[in-house]
Amino acid sequence: MQPMVTPEQVESMICAQIPDAQVMVNDLTGGGDHLQVTVVSSAFAGKSLIKQHQLVYGAVQAAMSTEAIHALALKTYTPDRWLNEAQG
């Protein structure tokens, strides 16, 4: 049986790597291995979407390499972009 991670553990991993991150984790299947993660951080400013995602993937690499996380749907935002998205 593969190890599982909780949404809280994923949030902690990301915040350890990106200290100002606001992280929202949704377990898509209830099994803890298919997650949707939204991250808002000023660390993303001036970075391409690929670079933003690489920062987050770097933070959860250990969990992904053990298949504790099998699938990760990722959305990243700068604080300004997050506010613009929230306002529609």
N, C-alpha and C. Protein backbone atom coordinates (compact mmCIF):
# COMPACT_ATOMS: atom_id res chain seq x y z
N MET A 1 0.85 -1.19 0.00
CA MET A 1 0.00 0.00 0.00
C MET A 1 0.89 1.24 0.00
N GLN A 2 0.51 2.21 -0.82
CA GLN A 2 1.33 3.41 -0.93
C GLN A 2 1.07 4.35 0.24
N PRO A 3 2.09 5.13 0.63
CA PRO A 3 1.90 6.10 1.70
C PRO A 3 0.93 7.19 1.25
N MET A 4 0.21 7.76 2.19
CA MET A 4 -0.73 8.83 1.87
C MET A 4 -0.28 10.12 2.56
N VAL A 5 -0.68 11.23 1.97
CA VAL A 5 -0.44 12.52 2.60
C VAL A 5 -1.78 13.20 2.79
N THR A 6 -1.87 14.01 3.82
CA THR A 6 -3.09 14.77 4.06
C THR A 6 -2.97 16.12 3.36
N PRO A 7 -4.11 16.78 3.10
CA PRO A 7 -4.04 18.13 2.54
C PRO A 7 -3.19 19.07 3.41
N GLU A 8 -3.25 18.88 4.72
CA GLU A 8 -2.47 19.73 5.62
C GLU A 8 -0.97 19.51 5.42
N GLN A 9 -0.57 18.26 5.19
CA GLN A 9 0.84 17.97 4.95
C GLN A 9 1.31 18.60 3.65
N VAL A 10 0.48 18.56 2.62
CA VAL A 10 0.83 19.18 1.35
C VAL A 10 0.98 20.69 1.54
N GLU A 11 0.05 21.28 2.26
CA GLU A 11 0.13 22.71 2.54
C GLU A 11 1.44 23.05 3.27
N SER A 12 1.80 22.24 4.25
CA SER A 12 3.05 22.47 5.00
C SER A 12 4.28 22.36 4.11
N MET A 13 4.29 21.37 3.21
CA MET A 13 5.42 21.20 2.30
C MET A 13 5.60 22.43 1.42
N ILE A 14 4.48 22.94 0.90
CA ILE A 14 4.54 24.10 0.00
C ILE A 14 4.95 25.34 0.78
N CYS A 15 4.39 25.54 1.96
CA CYS A 15 4.72 26.72 2.76
C CYS A 15 6.17 26.70 3.24
N ALA A 16 6.74 25.51 3.42
CA ALA A 16 8.15 25.42 3.81
C ALA A 16 9.05 25.93 2.68
N GLN A 17 8.64 25.70 1.45
CA GLN A 17 9.41 26.11 0.28
C GLN A 17 9.08 27.54 -0.16
N ILE A 18 7.82 27.94 0.02
CA ILE A 18 7.35 29.26 -0.41
C ILE A 18 6.66 29.89 0.81
N PRO A 19 7.44 30.54 1.69
CA PRO A 19 6.92 30.96 3.00
C PRO A 19 5.68 31.86 2.98
N ASP A 20 5.53 32.72 1.98
CA ASP A 20 4.36 33.61 1.99
C ASP A 20 3.15 33.01 1.28
N ALA A 21 3.23 31.75 0.91
CA ALA A 21 2.17 31.12 0.12
C ALA A 21 0.87 30.97 0.90
N GLN A 22 -0.21 31.25 0.21
CA GLN A 22 -1.55 30.89 0.68
C GLN A 22 -1.90 29.65 -0.13
N VAL A 23 -2.20 28.56 0.55
CA VAL A 23 -2.38 27.27 -0.12
C VAL A 23 -3.76 26.71 0.19
N MET A 24 -4.45 26.29 -0.86
CA MET A 24 -5.73 25.62 -0.72
C MET A 24 -5.61 24.26 -1.39
N VAL A 25 -5.86 23.19 -0.64
CA VAL A 25 -5.72 21.83 -1.15
C VAL A 25 -7.07 21.13 -1.09
N ASN A 26 -7.49 20.58 -2.23
CA ASN A 26 -8.71 19.79 -2.29
C ASN A 26 -8.35 18.37 -2.69
N ASP A 27 -8.83 17.41 -1.91
CA ASP A 27 -8.65 15.99 -2.22
C ASP A 27 -9.76 15.60 -3.19
N LEU A 28 -9.40 15.31 -4.43
CA LEU A 28 -10.40 15.07 -5.47
C LEU A 28 -11.07 13.70 -5.39
N THR A 29 -10.41 12.73 -4.74
CA THR A 29 -10.95 11.37 -4.73
C THR A 29 -11.24 10.83 -3.34
N GLY A 30 -10.78 11.54 -2.31
CA GLY A 30 -10.95 11.05 -0.95
C GLY A 30 -9.84 10.10 -0.52
N GLY A 31 -8.95 9.77 -1.45
CA GLY A 31 -7.86 8.85 -1.14
C GLY A 31 -6.54 9.53 -0.83
N GLY A 32 -6.49 10.85 -0.98
CA GLY A 32 -5.29 11.60 -0.65
C GLY A 32 -4.22 11.60 -1.72
N ASP A 33 -4.47 10.92 -2.86
CA ASP A 33 -3.41 10.86 -3.87
C ASP A 33 -3.72 11.64 -5.14
N HIS A 34 -4.94 12.13 -5.29
CA HIS A 34 -5.32 12.99 -6.41
C HIS A 34 -5.77 14.32 -5.82
N LEU A 35 -4.93 15.33 -5.99
CA LEU A 35 -5.16 16.60 -5.32
C LEU A 35 -5.27 17.75 -6.30
N GLN A 36 -6.09 18.72 -5.94
CA GLN A 36 -6.13 20.00 -6.65
C GLN A 36 -5.57 21.03 -5.68
N VAL A 37 -4.54 21.74 -6.10
CA VAL A 37 -3.86 22.69 -5.24
C VAL A 37 -3.86 24.06 -5.89
N THR A 38 -4.28 25.06 -5.12
CA THR A 38 -4.21 26.46 -5.55
C THR A 38 -3.23 27.16 -4.64
N VAL A 39 -2.26 27.86 -5.23
CA VAL A 39 -1.23 28.54 -4.45
C VAL A 39 -1.18 30.00 -4.89
N VAL A 40 -1.24 30.90 -3.90
CA VAL A 40 -1.11 32.33 -4.15
C VAL A 40 0.15 32.79 -3.44
N SER A 41 1.08 33.42 -4.19
CA SER A 41 2.34 33.86 -3.59
C SER A 41 2.96 34.99 -4.40
N SER A 42 3.56 35.93 -3.68
CA SER A 42 4.32 36.99 -4.36
C SER A 42 5.59 36.43 -4.98
N ALA A 43 6.01 35.23 -4.58
CA ALA A 43 7.19 34.59 -5.18
C ALA A 43 6.98 34.30 -6.66
N PHE A 44 5.74 34.29 -7.12
CA PHE A 44 5.44 34.01 -8.52
C PHE A 44 5.55 35.24 -9.41
N ALA A 45 5.66 36.42 -8.83
CA ALA A 45 5.70 37.66 -9.61
C ALA A 45 6.87 37.63 -10.59
N GLY A 46 6.58 37.94 -11.84
CA GLY A 46 7.61 37.99 -12.87
C GLY A 46 8.04 36.64 -13.40
N LYS A 47 7.45 35.56 -12.90
CA LYS A 47 7.81 34.21 -13.36
C LYS A 47 6.75 33.68 -14.32
N SER A 48 7.19 32.90 -15.29
CA SER A 48 6.25 32.26 -16.21
C SER A 48 5.43 31.23 -15.44
N LEU A 49 4.32 30.83 -16.03
CA LEU A 49 3.47 29.82 -15.40
C LEU A 49 4.26 28.53 -15.16
N ILE A 50 5.11 28.17 -16.10
CA ILE A 50 5.93 26.96 -15.94
C ILE A 50 6.85 27.10 -14.73
N LYS A 51 7.51 28.25 -14.58
CA LYS A 51 8.41 28.47 -13.44
C LYS A 51 7.63 28.46 -12.12
N GLN A 52 6.42 29.02 -12.13
CA GLN A 52 5.58 29.00 -10.93
C GLN A 52 5.28 27.56 -10.53
N HIS A 53 4.88 26.76 -11.51
CA HIS A 53 4.54 25.37 -11.23
C HIS A 53 5.77 24.59 -10.78
N GLN A 54 6.93 24.90 -11.36
CA GLN A 54 8.16 24.21 -10.95
C GLN A 54 8.48 24.48 -9.48
N LEU A 55 8.21 25.70 -9.01
CA LEU A 55 8.42 26.00 -7.59
C LEU A 55 7.57 25.10 -6.70
N VAL A 56 6.30 24.95 -7.08
CA VAL A 56 5.39 24.14 -6.27
C VAL A 56 5.75 22.65 -6.39
N TYR A 57 6.01 22.19 -7.60
CA TYR A 57 6.38 20.78 -7.76
C TYR A 57 7.65 20.46 -6.99
N GLY A 58 8.58 21.41 -6.92
CA GLY A 58 9.79 21.21 -6.14
C GLY A 58 9.49 20.98 -4.67
N ALA A 59 8.47 21.66 -4.18
CA ALA A 59 8.09 21.55 -2.77
C ALA A 59 7.46 20.20 -2.44
N VAL A 60 6.79 19.60 -3.41
CA VAL A 60 6.09 18.33 -3.16
C VAL A 60 6.76 17.14 -3.85
N GLN A 61 7.97 17.34 -4.34
CA GLN A 61 8.68 16.31 -5.09
C GLN A 61 8.79 14.99 -4.32
N ALA A 62 9.13 15.06 -3.05
CA ALA A 62 9.30 13.83 -2.27
C ALA A 62 8.01 13.02 -2.22
N ALA A 63 6.89 13.69 -2.01
CA ALA A 63 5.60 12.99 -1.95
C ALA A 63 5.21 12.43 -3.31
N MET A 64 5.58 13.12 -4.38
CA MET A 64 5.26 12.62 -5.71
C MET A 64 6.16 11.44 -6.09
N SER A 65 7.41 11.47 -5.67
CA SER A 65 8.34 10.39 -6.04
C SER A 65 7.99 9.08 -5.35
N THR A 66 7.36 9.15 -4.19
CA THR A 66 6.92 7.93 -3.51
C THR A 66 5.50 7.54 -3.90
N GLU A 67 4.90 8.32 -4.79
CA GLU A 67 3.52 8.15 -5.24
C GLU A 67 2.50 8.36 -4.14
N ALA A 68 2.90 9.03 -3.05
CA ALA A 68 1.92 9.44 -2.05
C ALA A 68 0.95 10.42 -2.71
N ILE A 69 1.48 11.21 -3.64
CA ILE A 69 0.64 12.04 -4.51
C ILE A 69 0.80 11.46 -5.90
N HIS A 70 -0.30 11.00 -6.46
CA HIS A 70 -0.27 10.40 -7.79
C HIS A 70 -0.57 11.44 -8.86
N ALA A 71 -1.51 12.34 -8.58
CA ALA A 71 -1.90 13.36 -9.54
C ALA A 71 -2.09 14.68 -8.82
N LEU A 72 -1.59 15.74 -9.46
CA LEU A 72 -1.66 17.06 -8.85
C LEU A 72 -2.16 18.05 -9.90
N ALA A 73 -3.36 18.57 -9.69
CA ALA A 73 -3.89 19.64 -10.53
C ALA A 73 -3.51 20.95 -9.85
N LEU A 74 -2.78 21.79 -10.56
CA LEU A 74 -2.15 22.94 -9.93
C LEU A 74 -2.60 24.24 -10.56
N LYS A 75 -2.94 25.21 -9.71
CA LYS A 75 -3.23 26.57 -10.15
C LYS A 75 -2.38 27.50 -9.30
N THR A 76 -1.67 28.42 -9.96
CA THR A 76 -0.81 29.35 -9.24
C THR A 76 -1.19 30.78 -9.62
N TYR A 77 -1.10 31.66 -8.63
CA TYR A 77 -1.46 33.06 -8.82
C TYR A 77 -0.52 33.96 -8.03
N THR A 78 -0.25 35.15 -8.57
CA THR A 78 0.33 36.21 -7.75
C THR A 78 -0.82 36.79 -6.95
N PRO A 79 -0.55 37.51 -5.85
CA PRO A 79 -1.66 38.12 -5.10
C PRO A 79 -2.53 39.04 -5.95
N ASP A 80 -1.92 39.85 -6.82
CA ASP A 80 -2.70 40.75 -7.67
C ASP A 80 -3.60 39.98 -8.63
N ARG A 81 -3.05 38.95 -9.25
CA ARG A 81 -3.85 38.16 -10.18
C ARG A 81 -4.98 37.43 -9.45
N TRP A 82 -4.70 36.96 -8.24
CA TRP A 82 -5.72 36.29 -7.44
C TRP A 82 -6.88 37.24 -7.16
N LEU A 83 -6.55 38.49 -6.78
CA LEU A 83 -7.60 39.48 -6.52
C LEU A 83 -8.41 39.76 -7.78
N ASN A 84 -7.73 39.88 -8.92
CA ASN A 84 -8.43 40.12 -10.18
C ASN A 84 -9.34 38.96 -10.54
N GLU A 85 -8.88 37.74 -10.34
CA GLU A 85 -9.69 36.55 -10.62
C GLU A 85 -10.91 36.49 -9.69
N ALA A 86 -10.69 36.82 -8.43
CA ALA A 86 -11.77 36.77 -7.44
C ALA A 86 -12.85 37.80 -7.74
N GLN A 87 -12.45 38.92 -8.31
CA GLN A 87 -13.42 39.98 -8.62
C GLN A 87 -14.12 39.74 -9.94
N GLY A 88 -13.70 38.71 -10.65
CA GLY A 88 -14.36 38.31 -11.87
C GLY A 88 -13.98 39.12 -13.05
